[in-house]
Amino acid sequence: SAFLAAALLCASAAPTAFAADAAHGEEIYDSRCIACHSPDANRVGPKHRGVVGRTAGTVLDFNYSKAVKSSGVVWSEETLDKWLTNPQAFIPGQRMNFKVADPTDRADLIAYLKTLQ
């Protein structure tokens, strides 16, 4: 039935929604991202506080690529996952050449970024 299909869909989606570990995401951030990014200061890459919900290319005083500035992307769990999976495929012409291959690491990292509000 449609109800059963909806229940199964929700049940299959629920573990992913609740499994993300922001504390592990912070460890990933501190080990892999901090060389270029900071929560509160622009470095090689833009600062990340408030990134979730922000339109790409809009942090003041950061020199974005034309590709990012004109992308129209709004950072959400979905868009951040695509970006971290393969930034160049998601926004061709951007300048970040770093990927997070493991889906669990990406989910944890995104969970951490969501705490930076």
PDB file of N, CA and C in Angstrom:
ATOM      1  N   SER A   1       0.840  -1.194   0.000  1.00  0.00           N
ATOM      2  CA  SER A   1       0.000   0.000   0.000  1.00  0.00           C
ATOM      3  C   SER A   1       0.880   1.251   0.000  1.00  0.00           C
ATOM      4  N   ALA A   2       0.258   2.355  -0.297  1.00  0.00           N
ATOM      5  CA  ALA A   2       0.990   3.620  -0.293  1.00  0.00           C
ATOM      6  C   ALA A   2       1.480   3.959   1.109  1.00  0.00           C
ATOM      7  N   PHE A   3       0.641   3.641   2.118  1.00  0.00           N
ATOM      8  CA  PHE A   3       1.044   3.912   3.501  1.00  0.00           C
ATOM      9  C   PHE A   3       2.292   3.123   3.867  1.00  0.00           C
ATOM     10  N   LEU A   4       2.315   1.832   3.509  1.00  0.00           N
ATOM     11  CA  LEU A   4       3.471   0.992   3.807  1.00  0.00           C
ATOM     12  C   LEU A   4       4.713   1.518   3.091  1.00  0.00           C
ATOM     13  N   ALA A   5       4.547   1.908   1.833  1.00  0.00           N
ATOM     14  CA  ALA A   5       5.689   2.447   1.083  1.00  0.00           C
ATOM     15  C   ALA A   5       6.216   3.714   1.758  1.00  0.00           C
ATOM     16  N   ALA A   6       5.310   4.583   2.191  1.00  0.00           N
ATOM     17  CA  ALA A   6       5.727   5.817   2.874  1.00  0.00           C
ATOM     18  C   ALA A   6       6.413   5.497   4.194  1.00  0.00           C
ATOM     19  N   ALA A   7       5.859   4.520   4.930  1.00  0.00           N
ATOM     20  CA  ALA A   7       6.460   4.137   6.207  1.00  0.00           C
ATOM     21  C   ALA A   7       7.857   3.565   6.003  1.00  0.00           C
ATOM     22  N   LEU A   8       8.007   2.729   4.971  1.00  0.00           N
ATOM     23  CA  LEU A   8       9.328   2.163   4.688  1.00  0.00           C
ATOM     24  C   LEU A   8      10.311   3.240   4.264  1.00  0.00           C
ATOM     25  N   LEU A   9       9.833   4.195   3.470  1.00  0.00           N
ATOM     26  CA  LEU A   9      10.701   5.290   3.039  1.00  0.00           C
ATOM     27  C   LEU A   9      11.160   6.093   4.249  1.00  0.00           C
ATOM     28  N   CYS A  10      10.240   6.412   5.133  1.00  0.00           N
ATOM     29  CA  CYS A  10      10.608   7.168   6.337  1.00  0.00           C
ATOM     30  C   CYS A  10      11.548   6.363   7.226  1.00  0.00           C
ATOM     31  N   ALA A  11      11.267   5.088   7.367  1.00  0.00           N
ATOM     32  CA  ALA A  11      12.115   4.247   8.213  1.00  0.00           C
ATOM     33  C   ALA A  11      13.518   4.142   7.648  1.00  0.00           C
ATOM     34  N   SER A  12      13.617   4.063   6.324  1.00  0.00           N
ATOM     35  CA  SER A  12      14.948   3.943   5.726  1.00  0.00           C
ATOM     36  C   SER A  12      15.699   5.264   5.783  1.00  0.00           C
ATOM     37  N   ALA A  13      14.976   6.376   5.775  1.00  0.00           N
ATOM     38  CA  ALA A  13      15.628   7.687   5.819  1.00  0.00           C
ATOM     39  C   ALA A  13      16.004   8.093   7.242  1.00  0.00           C
ATOM     40  N   ALA A  14      15.259   7.617   8.226  1.00  0.00           N
ATOM     41  CA  ALA A  14      15.456   8.066   9.597  1.00  0.00           C
ATOM     42  C   ALA A  14      16.856   7.806  10.140  1.00  0.00           C
ATOM     43  N   PRO A  15      17.447   6.617   9.950  1.00  0.00           N
ATOM     44  CA  PRO A  15      18.776   6.408  10.535  1.00  0.00           C
ATOM     45  C   PRO A  15      19.807   7.408  10.021  1.00  0.00           C
ATOM     46  N   THR A  16      19.744   7.750   8.747  1.00  0.00           N
ATOM     47  CA  THR A  16      20.694   8.716   8.194  1.00  0.00           C
ATOM     48  C   THR A  16      20.485  10.083   8.844  1.00  0.00           C
ATOM     49  N   ALA A  17      19.226  10.470   8.999  1.00  0.00           N
ATOM     50  CA  ALA A  17      18.925  11.785   9.549  1.00  0.00           C
ATOM     51  C   ALA A  17      19.426  11.920  10.986  1.00  0.00           C
ATOM     52  N   PHE A  18      19.446  10.821  11.745  1.00  0.00           N
ATOM     53  CA  PHE A  18      19.814  10.901  13.144  1.00  0.00           C
ATOM     54  C   PHE A  18      21.206  10.358  13.437  1.00  0.00           C
ATOM     55  N   ALA A  19      21.844   9.776  12.446  1.00  0.00           N
ATOM     56  CA  ALA A  19      23.121   9.125  12.682  1.00  0.00           C
ATOM     57  C   ALA A  19      24.309  10.082  12.618  1.00  0.00           C
ATOM     58  N   ALA A  20      24.124  11.261  12.031  1.00  0.00           N
ATOM     59  CA  ALA A  20      25.248  12.179  11.883  1.00  0.00           C
ATOM     60  C   ALA A  20      25.789  12.588  13.254  1.00  0.00           C
ATOM     61  N   ASP A  21      27.097  12.607  13.373  1.00  0.00           N
ATOM     62  CA  ASP A  21      27.792  12.855  14.630  1.00  0.00           C
ATOM     63  C   ASP A  21      28.572  14.166  14.513  1.00  0.00           C
ATOM     64  N   ALA A  22      27.995  15.244  15.034  1.00  0.00           N
ATOM     65  CA  ALA A  22      28.626  16.561  14.932  1.00  0.00           C
ATOM     66  C   ALA A  22      29.979  16.608  15.625  1.00  0.00           C
ATOM     67  N   ALA A  23      30.140  15.867  16.720  1.00  0.00           N
ATOM     68  CA  ALA A  23      31.433  15.849  17.420  1.00  0.00           C
ATOM     69  C   ALA A  23      32.507  15.238  16.528  1.00  0.00           C
ATOM     70  N   HIS A  24      32.172  14.145  15.838  1.00  0.00           N
ATOM     71  CA  HIS A  24      33.117  13.558  14.879  1.00  0.00           C
ATOM     72  C   HIS A  24      33.336  14.523  13.718  1.00  0.00           C
ATOM     73  N   GLY A  25      32.283  15.219  13.300  1.00  0.00           N
ATOM     74  CA  GLY A  25      32.412  16.226  12.247  1.00  0.00           C
ATOM     75  C   GLY A  25      33.379  17.331  12.627  1.00  0.00           C
ATOM     76  N   GLU A  26      33.368  17.727  13.892  1.00  0.00           N
ATOM     77  CA  GLU A  26      34.310  18.749  14.358  1.00  0.00           C
ATOM     78  C   GLU A  26      35.745  18.224  14.289  1.00  0.00           C
ATOM     79  N   GLU A  27      35.936  16.950  14.627  1.00  0.00           N
ATOM     80  CA  GLU A  27      37.270  16.348  14.504  1.00  0.00           C
ATOM     81  C   GLU A  27      37.739  16.351  13.050  1.00  0.00           C
ATOM     82  N   ILE A  28      36.838  16.024  12.132  1.00  0.00           N
ATOM     83  CA  ILE A  28      37.170  16.046  10.705  1.00  0.00           C
ATOM     84  C   ILE A  28      37.531  17.469  10.289  1.00  0.00           C
ATOM     85  N   TYR A  29      36.712  18.428  10.706  1.00  0.00           N
ATOM     86  CA  TYR A  29      36.954  19.834  10.382  1.00  0.00           C
ATOM     87  C   TYR A  29      38.337  20.263  10.874  1.00  0.00           C
ATOM     88  N   ASP A  30      38.625  19.914  12.137  1.00  0.00           N
ATOM     89  CA  ASP A  30      39.904  20.315  12.733  1.00  0.00           C
ATOM     90  C   ASP A  30      41.103  19.626  12.084  1.00  0.00           C
ATOM     91  N   SER A  31      40.900  18.469  11.485  1.00  0.00           N
ATOM     92  CA  SER A  31      42.023  17.758  10.871  1.00  0.00           C
ATOM     93  C   SER A  31      42.142  18.003   9.367  1.00  0.00           C
ATOM     94  N   ARG A  32      41.022  18.240   8.683  1.00  0.00           N
ATOM     95  CA  ARG A  32      41.070  18.329   7.221  1.00  0.00           C
ATOM     96  C   ARG A  32      40.733  19.703   6.655  1.00  0.00           C
ATOM     97  N   CYS A  33      39.967  20.491   7.365  1.00  0.00           N
ATOM     98  CA  CYS A  33      39.444  21.744   6.801  1.00  0.00           C
ATOM     99  C   CYS A  33      40.155  22.984   7.327  1.00  0.00           C
ATOM    100  N   ILE A  34      40.675  22.882   8.550  1.00  0.00           N
ATOM    101  CA  ILE A  34      41.169  24.050   9.267  1.00  0.00           C
ATOM    102  C   ILE A  34      42.381  24.704   8.590  1.00  0.00           C
ATOM    103  N   ALA A  35      43.099  23.967   7.773  1.00  0.00           N
ATOM    104  CA  ALA A  35      44.245  24.565   7.074  1.00  0.00           C
ATOM    105  C   ALA A  35      43.808  25.703   6.157  1.00  0.00           C
ATOM    106  N   CYS A  36      42.589  25.602   5.616  1.00  0.00           N
ATOM    107  CA  CYS A  36      42.106  26.629   4.687  1.00  0.00           C
ATOM    108  C   CYS A  36      40.899  27.401   5.205  1.00  0.00           C
ATOM    109  N   HIS A  37      40.183  26.841   6.180  1.00  0.00           N
ATOM    110  CA  HIS A  37      38.947  27.446   6.668  1.00  0.00           C
ATOM    111  C   HIS A  37      38.990  27.634   8.181  1.00  0.00           C
ATOM    112  N   SER A  38      38.105  28.497   8.642  1.00  0.00           N
ATOM    113  CA  SER A  38      37.908  28.746  10.065  1.00  0.00           C
ATOM    114  C   SER A  38      36.424  29.049  10.265  1.00  0.00           C
ATOM    115  N   PRO A  39      35.893  28.774  11.437  1.00  0.00           N
ATOM    116  CA  PRO A  39      34.507  29.192  11.653  1.00  0.00           C
ATOM    117  C   PRO A  39      34.322  30.707  11.520  1.00  0.00           C
ATOM    118  N   ASP A  40      35.296  31.483  11.980  1.00  0.00           N
ATOM    119  CA  ASP A  40      35.081  32.926  12.113  1.00  0.00           C
ATOM    120  C   ASP A  40      36.028  33.839  11.351  1.00  0.00           C
ATOM    121  N   ALA A  41      36.944  33.285  10.559  1.00  0.00           N
ATOM    122  CA  ALA A  41      37.885  34.135   9.815  1.00  0.00           C
ATOM    123  C   ALA A  41      38.053  33.609   8.399  1.00  0.00           C
ATOM    124  N   ASN A  42      38.096  34.519   7.452  1.00  0.00           N
ATOM    125  CA  ASN A  42      38.411  34.130   6.082  1.00  0.00           C
ATOM    126  C   ASN A  42      39.899  33.798   6.008  1.00  0.00           C
ATOM    127  N   ARG A  43      40.200  32.703   5.362  1.00  0.00           N
ATOM    128  CA  ARG A  43      41.585  32.280   5.142  1.00  0.00           C
ATOM    129  C   ARG A  43      41.734  32.020   3.656  1.00  0.00           C
ATOM    130  N   VAL A  44      42.344  30.919   3.269  1.00  0.00           N
ATOM    131  CA  VAL A  44      42.387  30.525   1.860  1.00  0.00           C
ATOM    132  C   VAL A  44      40.952  30.334   1.363  1.00  0.00           C
ATOM    133  N   GLY A  45      40.110  29.798   2.249  1.00  0.00           N
ATOM    134  CA  GLY A  45      38.684  29.646   1.975  1.00  0.00           C
ATOM    135  C   GLY A  45      37.883  30.534   2.906  1.00  0.00           C
ATOM    136  N   PRO A  46      36.601  30.732   2.601  1.00  0.00           N
ATOM    137  CA  PRO A  46      35.772  31.624   3.421  1.00  0.00           C
ATOM    138  C   PRO A  46      35.439  31.024   4.781  1.00  0.00           C
ATOM    139  N   LYS A  47      35.093  31.919   5.720  1.00  0.00           N
ATOM    140  CA  LYS A  47      34.694  31.465   7.059  1.00  0.00           C
ATOM    141  C   LYS A  47      33.396  30.669   6.958  1.00  0.00           C
ATOM    142  N   HIS A  48      33.185  29.776   7.929  1.00  0.00           N
ATOM    143  CA  HIS A  48      32.062  28.856   7.852  1.00  0.00           C
ATOM    144  C   HIS A  48      30.906  29.141   8.804  1.00  0.00           C
ATOM    145  N   ARG A  49      31.075  30.020   9.795  1.00  0.00           N
ATOM    146  CA  ARG A  49      29.943  30.280  10.689  1.00  0.00           C
ATOM    147  C   ARG A  49      28.783  30.819   9.859  1.00  0.00           C
ATOM    148  N   GLY A  50      27.620  30.181  10.013  1.00  0.00           N
ATOM    149  CA  GLY A  50      26.438  30.593   9.268  1.00  0.00           C
ATOM    150  C   GLY A  50      26.357  30.059   7.851  1.00  0.00           C
ATOM    151  N   VAL A  51      27.227  29.112   7.501  1.00  0.00           N
ATOM    152  CA  VAL A  51      27.255  28.621   6.121  1.00  0.00           C
ATOM    153  C   VAL A  51      25.949  27.948   5.731  1.00  0.00           C
ATOM    154  N   VAL A  52      25.350  27.165   6.633  1.00  0.00           N
ATOM    155  CA  VAL A  52      24.105  26.480   6.297  1.00  0.00           C
ATOM    156  C   VAL A  52      22.992  27.520   6.172  1.00  0.00           C
ATOM    157  N   GLY A  53      22.391  27.580   4.994  1.00  0.00           N
ATOM    158  CA  GLY A  53      21.362  28.567   4.693  1.00  0.00           C
ATOM    159  C   GLY A  53      21.872  29.784   3.946  1.00  0.00           C
ATOM    160  N   ARG A  54      23.169  29.924   3.847  1.00  0.00           N
ATOM    161  CA  ARG A  54      23.780  31.073   3.169  1.00  0.00           C
ATOM    162  C   ARG A  54      23.882  30.799   1.668  1.00  0.00           C
ATOM    163  N   THR A  55      23.772  31.834   0.876  1.00  0.00           N
ATOM    164  CA  THR A  55      23.996  31.716  -0.556  1.00  0.00           C
ATOM    165  C   THR A  55      25.501  31.708  -0.813  1.00  0.00           C
ATOM    166  N   ALA A  56      25.938  30.766  -1.634  1.00  0.00           N
ATOM    167  CA  ALA A  56      27.370  30.645  -1.953  1.00  0.00           C
ATOM    168  C   ALA A  56      27.895  31.948  -2.535  1.00  0.00           C
ATOM    169  N   GLY A  57      29.102  32.301  -2.131  1.00  0.00           N
ATOM    170  CA  GLY A  57      29.761  33.472  -2.689  1.00  0.00           C
ATOM    171  C   GLY A  57      29.372  34.789  -2.068  1.00  0.00           C
ATOM    172  N   THR A  58      28.803  34.768  -0.858  1.00  0.00           N
ATOM    173  CA  THR A  58      28.292  36.010  -0.279  1.00  0.00           C
ATOM    174  C   THR A  58      28.978  36.457   1.012  1.00  0.00           C
ATOM    175  N   VAL A  59      30.024  35.754   1.472  1.00  0.00           N
ATOM    176  CA  VAL A  59      30.745  36.227   2.652  1.00  0.00           C
ATOM    177  C   VAL A  59      31.502  37.496   2.272  1.00  0.00           C
ATOM    178  N   LEU A  60      31.315  38.532   3.082  1.00  0.00           N
ATOM    179  CA  LEU A  60      31.999  39.797   2.799  1.00  0.00           C
ATOM    180  C   LEU A  60      33.506  39.621   2.906  1.00  0.00           C
ATOM    181  N   ASP A  61      34.226  40.378   2.136  1.00  0.00           N
ATOM    182  CA  ASP A  61      35.687  40.412   2.201  1.00  0.00           C
ATOM    183  C   ASP A  61      36.341  39.078   1.851  1.00  0.00           C
ATOM    184  N   PHE A  62      35.657  38.227   1.065  1.00  0.00           N
ATOM    185  CA  PHE A  62      36.307  37.021   0.561  1.00  0.00           C
ATOM    186  C   PHE A  62      36.259  37.064  -0.955  1.00  0.00           C
ATOM    187  N   ASN A  63      37.383  36.763  -1.575  1.00  0.00           N
ATOM    188  CA  ASN A  63      37.508  36.811  -3.028  1.00  0.00           C
ATOM    189  C   ASN A  63      37.135  35.458  -3.642  1.00  0.00           C
ATOM    190  N   TYR A  64      35.858  35.283  -3.927  1.00  0.00           N
ATOM    191  CA  TYR A  64      35.362  34.036  -4.510  1.00  0.00           C
ATOM    192  C   TYR A  64      35.672  33.953  -6.002  1.00  0.00           C
ATOM    193  N   SER A  65      35.685  32.731  -6.505  1.00  0.00           N
ATOM    194  CA  SER A  65      35.753  32.536  -7.948  1.00  0.00           C
ATOM    195  C   SER A  65      34.447  33.037  -8.564  1.00  0.00           C
ATOM    196  N   LYS A  66      34.513  33.412  -9.836  1.00  0.00           N
ATOM    197  CA  LYS A  66      33.297  33.830 -10.543  1.00  0.00           C
ATOM    198  C   LYS A  66      32.273  32.704 -10.536  1.00  0.00           C
ATOM    199  N   ALA A  67      32.765  31.456 -10.643  1.00  0.00           N
ATOM    200  CA  ALA A  67      31.861  30.303 -10.683  1.00  0.00           C
ATOM    201  C   ALA A  67      31.014  30.221  -9.418  1.00  0.00           C
ATOM    202  N   VAL A  68      31.636  30.381  -8.251  1.00  0.00           N
ATOM    203  CA  VAL A  68      30.895  30.296  -6.994  1.00  0.00           C
ATOM    204  C   VAL A  68      29.965  31.495  -6.846  1.00  0.00           C
ATOM    205  N   LYS A  69      30.468  32.701  -7.145  1.00  0.00           N
ATOM    206  CA  LYS A  69      29.653  33.905  -6.998  1.00  0.00           C
ATOM    207  C   LYS A  69      28.402  33.858  -7.863  1.00  0.00           C
ATOM    208  N   SER A  70      28.495  33.268  -9.025  1.00  0.00           N
ATOM    209  CA  SER A  70      27.357  33.249  -9.952  1.00  0.00           C
ATOM    210  C   SER A  70      26.542  31.959  -9.875  1.00  0.00           C
ATOM    211  N   SER A  71      26.881  31.061  -8.940  1.00  0.00           N
ATOM    212  CA  SER A  71      26.236  29.739  -8.906  1.00  0.00           C
ATOM    213  C   SER A  71      24.782  29.771  -8.445  1.00  0.00           C
ATOM    214  N   GLY A  72      24.436  30.706  -7.563  1.00  0.00           N
ATOM    215  CA  GLY A  72      23.090  30.734  -7.003  1.00  0.00           C
ATOM    216  C   GLY A  72      22.819  29.629  -5.996  1.00  0.00           C
ATOM    217  N   VAL A  73      23.844  28.849  -5.637  1.00  0.00           N
ATOM    218  CA  VAL A  73      23.674  27.740  -4.700  1.00  0.00           C
ATOM    219  C   VAL A  73      23.410  28.293  -3.305  1.00  0.00           C
ATOM    220  N   VAL A  74      22.446  27.693  -2.630  1.00  0.00           N
ATOM    221  CA  VAL A  74      22.216  27.966  -1.211  1.00  0.00           C
ATOM    222  C   VAL A  74      22.698  26.737  -0.459  1.00  0.00           C
ATOM    223  N   TRP A  75      23.551  26.942   0.529  1.00  0.00           N
ATOM    224  CA  TRP A  75      24.150  25.817   1.245  1.00  0.00           C
ATOM    225  C   TRP A  75      23.133  25.158   2.173  1.00  0.00           C
ATOM    226  N   SER A  76      22.877  23.894   1.905  1.00  0.00           N
ATOM    227  CA  SER A  76      21.973  23.052   2.690  1.00  0.00           C
ATOM    228  C   SER A  76      22.674  21.715   2.890  1.00  0.00           C
ATOM    229  N   GLU A  77      22.051  20.808   3.618  1.00  0.00           N
ATOM    230  CA  GLU A  77      22.653  19.480   3.760  1.00  0.00           C
ATOM    231  C   GLU A  77      22.902  18.864   2.379  1.00  0.00           C
ATOM    232  N   GLU A  78      21.916  18.974   1.496  1.00  0.00           N
ATOM    233  CA  GLU A  78      22.031  18.368   0.168  1.00  0.00           C
ATOM    234  C   GLU A  78      23.134  19.021  -0.664  1.00  0.00           C
ATOM    235  N   THR A  79      23.151  20.360  -0.712  1.00  0.00           N
ATOM    236  CA  THR A  79      24.155  21.020  -1.555  1.00  0.00           C
ATOM    237  C   THR A  79      25.556  20.876  -0.963  1.00  0.00           C
ATOM    238  N   LEU A  80      25.674  20.923   0.362  1.00  0.00           N
ATOM    239  CA  LEU A  80      26.990  20.710   0.971  1.00  0.00           C
ATOM    240  C   LEU A  80      27.492  19.297   0.704  1.00  0.00           C
ATOM    241  N   ASP A  81      26.586  18.308   0.718  1.00  0.00           N
ATOM    242  CA  ASP A  81      26.989  16.933   0.419  1.00  0.00           C
ATOM    243  C   ASP A  81      27.508  16.837  -1.015  1.00  0.00           C
ATOM    244  N   LYS A  82      26.808  17.446  -1.948  1.00  0.00           N
ATOM    245  CA  LYS A  82      27.267  17.421  -3.351  1.00  0.00           C
ATOM    246  C   LYS A  82      28.616  18.132  -3.483  1.00  0.00           C
ATOM    247  N   TRP A  83      28.747  19.270  -2.825  1.00  0.00           N
ATOM    248  CA  TRP A  83      29.986  20.053  -2.871  1.00  0.00           C
ATOM    249  C   TRP A  83      31.162  19.256  -2.312  1.00  0.00           C
ATOM    250  N   LEU A  84      30.973  18.674  -1.136  1.00  0.00           N
ATOM    251  CA  LEU A  84      32.063  17.937  -0.493  1.00  0.00           C
ATOM    252  C   LEU A  84      32.389  16.639  -1.224  1.00  0.00           C
ATOM    253  N   THR A  85      31.410  16.074  -1.933  1.00  0.00           N
ATOM    254  CA  THR A  85      31.650  14.874  -2.729  1.00  0.00           C
ATOM    255  C   THR A  85      32.579  15.186  -3.899  1.00  0.00           C
ATOM    256  N   ASN A  86      32.303  16.293  -4.589  1.00  0.00           N
ATOM    257  CA  ASN A  86      33.123  16.676  -5.747  1.00  0.00           C
ATOM    258  C   ASN A  86      32.840  18.134  -6.096  1.00  0.00           C
ATOM    259  N   PRO A  87      33.582  19.059  -5.482  1.00  0.00           N
ATOM    260  CA  PRO A  87      33.315  20.485  -5.709  1.00  0.00           C
ATOM    261  C   PRO A  87      33.345  20.881  -7.186  1.00  0.00           C
ATOM    262  N   GLN A  88      34.297  20.348  -7.936  1.00  0.00           N
ATOM    263  CA  GLN A  88      34.439  20.735  -9.338  1.00  0.00           C
ATOM    264  C   GLN A  88      33.258  20.260 -10.181  1.00  0.00           C
ATOM    265  N   ALA A  89      32.736  19.083  -9.874  1.00  0.00           N
ATOM    266  CA  ALA A  89      31.569  18.586 -10.605  1.00  0.00           C
ATOM    267  C   ALA A  89      30.321  19.389 -10.239  1.00  0.00           C
ATOM    268  N   PHE A  90      30.231  19.826  -8.981  1.00  0.00           N
ATOM    269  CA  PHE A  90      29.056  20.556  -8.510  1.00  0.00           C
ATOM    270  C   PHE A  90      29.047  22.001  -9.010  1.00  0.00           C
ATOM    271  N   ILE A  91      30.174  22.681  -8.914  1.00  0.00           N
ATOM    272  CA  ILE A  91      30.293  24.058  -9.421  1.00  0.00           C
ATOM    273  C   ILE A  91      31.571  24.125 -10.263  1.00  0.00           C
ATOM    274  N   PRO A  92      31.459  23.807 -11.552  1.00  0.00           N
ATOM    275  CA  PRO A  92      32.655  23.848 -12.411  1.00  0.00           C
ATOM    276  C   PRO A  92      33.300  25.229 -12.396  1.00  0.00           C
ATOM    277  N   GLY A  93      34.617  25.244 -12.266  1.00  0.00           N
ATOM    278  CA  GLY A  93      35.366  26.497 -12.260  1.00  0.00           C
ATOM    279  C   GLY A  93      35.662  27.044 -10.873  1.00  0.00           C
ATOM    280  N   GLN A  94      35.157  26.386  -9.835  1.00  0.00           N
ATOM    281  CA  GLN A  94      35.462  26.820  -8.471  1.00  0.00           C
ATOM    282  C   GLN A  94      36.919  26.479  -8.146  1.00  0.00           C
ATOM    283  N   ARG A  95      37.411  26.919  -6.988  1.00  0.00           N
ATOM    284  CA  ARG A  95      38.842  26.755  -6.689  1.00  0.00           C
ATOM    285  C   ARG A  95      39.178  25.762  -5.586  1.00  0.00           C
ATOM    286  N   MET A  96      38.185  25.135  -4.941  1.00  0.00           N
ATOM    287  CA  MET A  96      38.502  24.193  -3.869  1.00  0.00           C
ATOM    288  C   MET A  96      38.785  22.822  -4.472  1.00  0.00           C
ATOM    289  N   ASN A  97      39.978  22.332  -4.269  1.00  0.00           N
ATOM    290  CA  ASN A  97      40.351  21.039  -4.824  1.00  0.00           C
ATOM    291  C   ASN A  97      40.507  20.006  -3.719  1.00  0.00           C
ATOM    292  N   PHE A  98      39.471  19.859  -2.923  1.00  0.00           N
ATOM    293  CA  PHE A  98      39.475  18.927  -1.797  1.00  0.00           C
ATOM    294  C   PHE A  98      38.129  18.231  -1.768  1.00  0.00           C
ATOM    295  N   LYS A  99      38.144  16.916  -1.571  1.00  0.00           N
ATOM    296  CA  LYS A  99      36.919  16.123  -1.519  1.00  0.00           C
ATOM    297  C   LYS A  99      36.873  15.344  -0.213  1.00  0.00           C
ATOM    298  N   VAL A 100      35.675  15.040   0.240  1.00  0.00           N
ATOM    299  CA  VAL A 100      35.465  14.156   1.376  1.00  0.00           C
ATOM    300  C   VAL A 100      34.750  12.931   0.812  1.00  0.00           C
ATOM    301  N   ALA A 101      35.512  11.863   0.608  1.00  0.00           N
ATOM    302  CA  ALA A 101      35.002  10.695  -0.111  1.00  0.00           C
ATOM    303  C   ALA A 101      33.972   9.894   0.685  1.00  0.00           C
ATOM    304  N   ASP A 102      34.166   9.770   1.986  1.00  0.00           N
ATOM    305  CA  ASP A 102      33.309   8.902   2.797  1.00  0.00           C
ATOM    306  C   ASP A 102      31.978   9.585   3.122  1.00  0.00           C
ATOM    307  N   PRO A 103      30.846   8.963   2.765  1.00  0.00           N
ATOM    308  CA  PRO A 103      29.540   9.583   3.016  1.00  0.00           C
ATOM    309  C   PRO A 103      29.257   9.837   4.502  1.00  0.00           C
ATOM    310  N   THR A 104      29.722   8.958   5.379  1.00  0.00           N
ATOM    311  CA  THR A 104      29.520   9.164   6.822  1.00  0.00           C
ATOM    312  C   THR A 104      30.330  10.365   7.295  1.00  0.00           C
ATOM    313  N   ASP A 105      31.558  10.495   6.827  1.00  0.00           N
ATOM    314  CA  ASP A 105      32.372  11.664   7.182  1.00  0.00           C
ATOM    315  C   ASP A 105      31.712  12.943   6.683  1.00  0.00           C
ATOM    316  N   ARG A 106      31.160  12.913   5.468  1.00  0.00           N
ATOM    317  CA  ARG A 106      30.469  14.103   4.943  1.00  0.00           C
ATOM    318  C   ARG A 106      29.268  14.453   5.816  1.00  0.00           C
ATOM    319  N   ALA A 107      28.465  13.451   6.175  1.00  0.00           N
ATOM    320  CA  ALA A 107      27.285  13.706   7.011  1.00  0.00           C
ATOM    321  C   ALA A 107      27.694  14.281   8.368  1.00  0.00           C
ATOM    322  N   ASP A 108      28.750  13.736   8.958  1.00  0.00           N
ATOM    323  CA  ASP A 108      29.225  14.231  10.247  1.00  0.00           C
ATOM    324  C   ASP A 108      29.760  15.653  10.123  1.00  0.00           C
ATOM    325  N   LEU A 109      30.495  15.925   9.068  1.00  0.00           N
ATOM    326  CA  LEU A 109      31.043  17.258   8.844  1.00  0.00           C
ATOM    327  C   LEU A 109      29.911  18.270   8.651  1.00  0.00           C
ATOM    328  N   ILE A 110      28.914  17.899   7.883  1.00  0.00           N
ATOM    329  CA  ILE A 110      27.763  18.781   7.667  1.00  0.00           C
ATOM    330  C   ILE A 110      27.022  18.999   8.984  1.00  0.00           C
ATOM    331  N   ALA A 111      26.884  17.955   9.799  1.00  0.00           N
ATOM    332  CA  ALA A 111      26.244  18.112  11.115  1.00  0.00           C
ATOM    333  C   ALA A 111      27.013  19.123  11.961  1.00  0.00           C
ATOM    334  N   TYR A 112      28.343  19.081  11.888  1.00  0.00           N
ATOM    335  CA  TYR A 112      29.146  20.069  12.615  1.00  0.00           C
ATOM    336  C   TYR A 112      28.920  21.470  12.049  1.00  0.00           C
ATOM    337  N   LEU A 113      28.950  21.600  10.726  1.00  0.00           N
ATOM    338  CA  LEU A 113      28.744  22.918  10.115  1.00  0.00           C
ATOM    339  C   LEU A 113      27.387  23.506  10.519  1.00  0.00           C
ATOM    340  N   LYS A 114      26.388  22.652  10.694  1.00  0.00           N
ATOM    341  CA  LYS A 114      25.063  23.129  11.123  1.00  0.00           C
ATOM    342  C   LYS A 114      25.099  23.708  12.522  1.00  0.00           C
ATOM    343  N   THR A 115      26.086  23.324  13.346  1.00  0.00           N
ATOM    344  CA  THR A 115      26.180  23.886  14.708  1.00  0.00           C
ATOM    345  C   THR A 115      26.795  25.283  14.689  1.00  0.00           C
ATOM    346  N   LEU A 116      27.406  25.660  13.577  1.00  0.00           N
ATOM    347  CA  LEU A 116      28.096  26.961  13.487  1.00  0.00           C
ATOM    348  C   LEU A 116      27.125  28.063  13.066  1.00  0.00           C
ATOM    349  N   GLN A 117      26.113  28.262  13.835  1.00  0.00           N
ATOM    350  CA  GLN A 117      25.118  29.304  13.534  1.00  0.00           C
ATOM    351  C   GLN A 117      25.311  30.442  14.480  1.00  0.00           C
TER     352      GLN A 117
END
